[in-house]
Amino acid sequence: MSKRYTVSDGRLVLNLEEAEEGGYIVTSPLNPELITEAETLEEAFANARDAAKALRQSRARLLRRLGLAAAKKPG
């Protein structure tokens, strides 16, 4: 059974699970779509920040598309 840790840097809360091949699988209990991997704790936070930024950008694009689609609907 792999070890699991919950860590925070004051801005992000992350779950780290030891990966079989080494390093960690990184997820967030506050953002279930955030999944990345890292070799160290510092890398876990850096990768999680990058993943969170990419998720925010993706959600913003989706909302813009949905807004445009709703605006184009007749009626």
Protein backbone atom coordinates (compact mmCIF):
# COMPACT_ATOMS: atom_id res chain seq x y z
CA MET A 1 0.00 0.00 0.00
CA SER A 2 1.41 3.38 -0.98
CA LYS A 3 1.74 6.18 1.53
CA ARG A 4 -0.46 9.26 1.22
CA TYR A 5 0.18 12.73 2.57
CA THR A 6 -1.82 15.95 2.72
CA VAL A 7 0.30 19.10 2.53
CA SER A 8 -0.28 22.83 2.20
CA ASP A 9 1.85 25.87 1.45
CA GLY A 10 -0.80 28.27 2.74
CA ARG A 11 -2.36 28.72 -0.71
CA LEU A 12 -2.71 25.20 -2.09
CA VAL A 13 -3.79 22.00 -0.37
CA LEU A 14 -2.42 18.90 -2.06
CA ASN A 15 -2.69 15.17 -1.63
CA LEU A 16 0.52 13.31 -2.43
CA GLU A 17 0.49 9.58 -3.04
CA GLU A 18 3.75 7.73 -3.49
CA ALA A 19 3.92 6.36 -7.04
CA GLU A 20 5.15 2.82 -7.64
CA GLU A 21 7.80 4.08 -10.08
CA GLY A 22 8.98 6.75 -7.63
CA GLY A 23 7.90 10.29 -6.98
CA TYR A 24 4.33 11.29 -6.23
CA ILE A 25 0.91 11.46 -7.81
CA VAL A 26 -0.40 14.92 -6.92
CA THR A 27 -4.10 15.78 -6.56
CA SER A 28 -6.10 18.43 -4.74
CA PRO A 29 -9.10 17.80 -2.48
CA LEU A 30 -10.34 21.31 -3.36
CA ASN A 31 -10.02 20.87 -7.13
CA PRO A 32 -10.79 17.27 -8.15
CA GLU A 33 -9.75 17.86 -11.78
CA LEU A 34 -6.20 18.77 -10.74
CA ILE A 35 -3.93 15.76 -11.28
CA THR A 36 -0.19 15.89 -11.92
CA GLU A 37 2.99 14.17 -10.79
CA ALA A 38 6.26 15.21 -9.21
CA GLU A 39 9.54 13.92 -7.84
CA THR A 40 9.79 16.33 -4.88
CA LEU A 41 7.52 18.40 -2.67
CA GLU A 42 8.72 21.63 -4.29
CA GLU A 43 8.04 20.22 -7.75
CA ALA A 44 4.59 19.07 -6.57
CA PHE A 45 3.60 22.63 -5.69
CA ALA A 46 5.09 24.07 -8.90
CA ASN A 47 3.35 21.46 -11.08
CA ALA A 48 0.07 21.90 -9.18
CA ARG A 49 0.18 25.67 -9.73
CA ASP A 50 0.77 25.10 -13.46
CA ALA A 51 -2.07 22.57 -13.62
CA ALA A 52 -4.43 24.88 -11.71
CA LYS A 53 -3.62 27.73 -14.10
CA ALA A 54 -4.28 25.50 -17.13
CA LEU A 55 -7.59 24.38 -15.63
CA ARG A 56 -8.67 27.99 -15.00
CA GLN A 57 -7.81 28.92 -18.59
CA SER A 58 -9.65 25.90 -19.96
CA ARG A 59 -12.74 26.66 -17.88
CA ALA A 60 -12.69 30.30 -19.00
CA ARG A 61 -12.53 29.24 -22.67
CA LEU A 62 -15.40 26.81 -22.14
CA LEU A 63 -17.52 29.48 -20.44
CA ARG A 64 -16.84 31.90 -23.30
CA ARG A 65 -17.88 29.26 -25.83
CA LEU A 66 -21.01 28.42 -23.89
CA GLY A 67 -21.83 32.12 -23.60
CA LEU A 68 -21.43 32.60 -27.33
CA ALA A 69 -23.53 29.52 -28.08
CA ALA A 70 -26.30 30.74 -25.76
CA ALA A 71 -26.20 34.20 -27.32
CA LYS A 72 -26.58 32.74 -30.84
CA LYS A 73 -29.62 30.59 -29.96
CA PRO A 74 -32.86 31.93 -31.39
CA GLY A 75 -35.65 32.72 -29.03
